[in-house]
Amino acid sequence: MEAKMKAVFTIVEGEKLEKPLFRRIGTGFVNRDQSLNIFLDALPVSGKLHIRDVEPRKDDAREHG
């Protein structure tokens, strides 16, 4: 079974921002029992994390297509 990678983001909000900013701060991996291992490169100051499947980059598709 192939490991499913997850992207880990922190959510930055501020009065001067039109909408929240999602800044990638780590990577996660789904284990066989569906639990997660999360590896952070930074700590979220807000305490908020957003975890989602890694999407192929658009520029990668052009190189291989």
C-alpha atoms as a PDB file:
ATOM      1  CA  MET A   1       0.000   0.000   0.000  1.00  0.00           C
ATOM      2  CA  GLU A   2       1.389   3.381  -0.996  1.00  0.00           C
ATOM      3  CA  ALA A   3       1.753   5.977   1.772  1.00  0.00           C
ATOM      4  CA  LYS A   4      -0.637   8.888   1.322  1.00  0.00           C
ATOM      5  CA  MET A   5       1.141  12.186   1.901  1.00  0.00           C
ATOM      6  CA  LYS A   6      -0.569  15.117   3.554  1.00  0.00           C
ATOM      7  CA  ALA A   7       0.394  18.779   3.507  1.00  0.00           C
ATOM      8  CA  VAL A   8       0.278  20.563   6.874  1.00  0.00           C
ATOM      9  CA  PHE A   9      -0.516  24.277   6.963  1.00  0.00           C
ATOM     10  CA  THR A  10      -0.918  26.901   9.667  1.00  0.00           C
ATOM     11  CA  ILE A  11      -3.661  29.476   9.220  1.00  0.00           C
ATOM     12  CA  VAL A  12      -2.523  33.103   9.522  1.00  0.00           C
ATOM     13  CA  GLU A  13      -5.251  35.690  10.049  1.00  0.00           C
ATOM     14  CA  GLY A  14      -4.918  39.427  10.413  1.00  0.00           C
ATOM     15  CA  GLU A  15      -6.790  42.692  10.051  1.00  0.00           C
ATOM     16  CA  LYS A  16      -4.664  43.703   7.073  1.00  0.00           C
ATOM     17  CA  LEU A  17      -5.312  40.434   5.212  1.00  0.00           C
ATOM     18  CA  GLU A  18      -8.341  40.128   2.908  1.00  0.00           C
ATOM     19  CA  LYS A  19      -8.605  36.408   3.657  1.00  0.00           C
ATOM     20  CA  PRO A  20      -6.713  33.922   5.860  1.00  0.00           C
ATOM     21  CA  LEU A  21      -3.271  32.881   4.629  1.00  0.00           C
ATOM     22  CA  PHE A  22      -2.421  29.166   4.579  1.00  0.00           C
ATOM     23  CA  ARG A  23       1.336  28.702   5.096  1.00  0.00           C
ATOM     24  CA  ARG A  24       2.781  25.206   4.683  1.00  0.00           C
ATOM     25  CA  ILE A  25       4.792  24.169   7.733  1.00  0.00           C
ATOM     26  CA  GLY A  26       5.096  20.408   7.433  1.00  0.00           C
ATOM     27  CA  THR A  27       4.180  17.035   5.988  1.00  0.00           C
ATOM     28  CA  GLY A  28       2.084  14.152   7.235  1.00  0.00           C
ATOM     29  CA  PHE A  29       1.812  10.475   6.363  1.00  0.00           C
ATOM     30  CA  VAL A  30      -1.145   8.115   6.808  1.00  0.00           C
ATOM     31  CA  ASN A  31      -0.254   4.843   8.542  1.00  0.00           C
ATOM     32  CA  ARG A  32      -1.779   1.435   7.804  1.00  0.00           C
ATOM     33  CA  ASP A  33      -4.199   1.872  10.712  1.00  0.00           C
ATOM     34  CA  GLN A  34      -5.244   5.308   9.319  1.00  0.00           C
ATOM     35  CA  SER A  35      -3.440   7.198  12.108  1.00  0.00           C
ATOM     36  CA  LEU A  36      -1.166  10.094  11.100  1.00  0.00           C
ATOM     37  CA  ASN A  37       2.508  10.899  11.561  1.00  0.00           C
ATOM     38  CA  ILE A  38       3.031  14.660  11.309  1.00  0.00           C
ATOM     39  CA  PHE A  39       6.472  16.234  10.818  1.00  0.00           C
ATOM     40  CA  LEU A  40       6.533  19.999  11.429  1.00  0.00           C
ATOM     41  CA  ASP A  41       9.227  22.381  10.202  1.00  0.00           C
ATOM     42  CA  ALA A  42       7.707  25.223  12.261  1.00  0.00           C
ATOM     43  CA  LEU A  43       5.234  25.597  15.108  1.00  0.00           C
ATOM     44  CA  PRO A  44       1.892  27.315  14.539  1.00  0.00           C
ATOM     45  CA  VAL A  45       1.697  30.469  16.649  1.00  0.00           C
ATOM     46  CA  SER A  46      -2.100  30.480  16.319  1.00  0.00           C
ATOM     47  CA  GLY A  47      -2.388  26.827  17.341  1.00  0.00           C
ATOM     48  CA  LYS A  48      -4.360  26.131  14.149  1.00  0.00           C
ATOM     49  CA  LEU A  49      -3.389  23.401  11.698  1.00  0.00           C
ATOM     50  CA  HIS A  50      -5.001  22.523   8.384  1.00  0.00           C
ATOM     51  CA  ILE A  51      -4.130  19.092   6.953  1.00  0.00           C
ATOM     52  CA  ARG A  52      -5.037  18.012   3.417  1.00  0.00           C
ATOM     53  CA  ASP A  53      -3.932  15.580   0.703  1.00  0.00           C
ATOM     54  CA  VAL A  54      -0.902  16.688  -1.295  1.00  0.00           C
ATOM     55  CA  GLU A  55      -2.005  17.864  -4.741  1.00  0.00           C
ATOM     56  CA  PRO A  56       0.341  17.490  -7.724  1.00  0.00           C
ATOM     57  CA  ARG A  57       1.822  20.855  -8.663  1.00  0.00           C
ATOM     58  CA  LYS A  58       0.481  22.349 -11.889  1.00  0.00           C
ATOM     59  CA  ASP A  59       3.979  22.968 -13.259  1.00  0.00           C
ATOM     60  CA  ASP A  60       4.859  19.267 -12.672  1.00  0.00           C
ATOM     61  CA  ALA A  61       1.981  18.188 -14.938  1.00  0.00           C
ATOM     62  CA  ARG A  62       3.303  20.335 -17.793  1.00  0.00           C
ATOM     63  CA  GLU A  63       6.769  18.789 -17.543  1.00  0.00           C
ATOM     64  CA  HIS A  64       5.444  15.220 -17.730  1.00  0.00           C
ATOM     65  CA  GLY A  65       2.511  15.772 -20.071  1.00  0.00           C
END
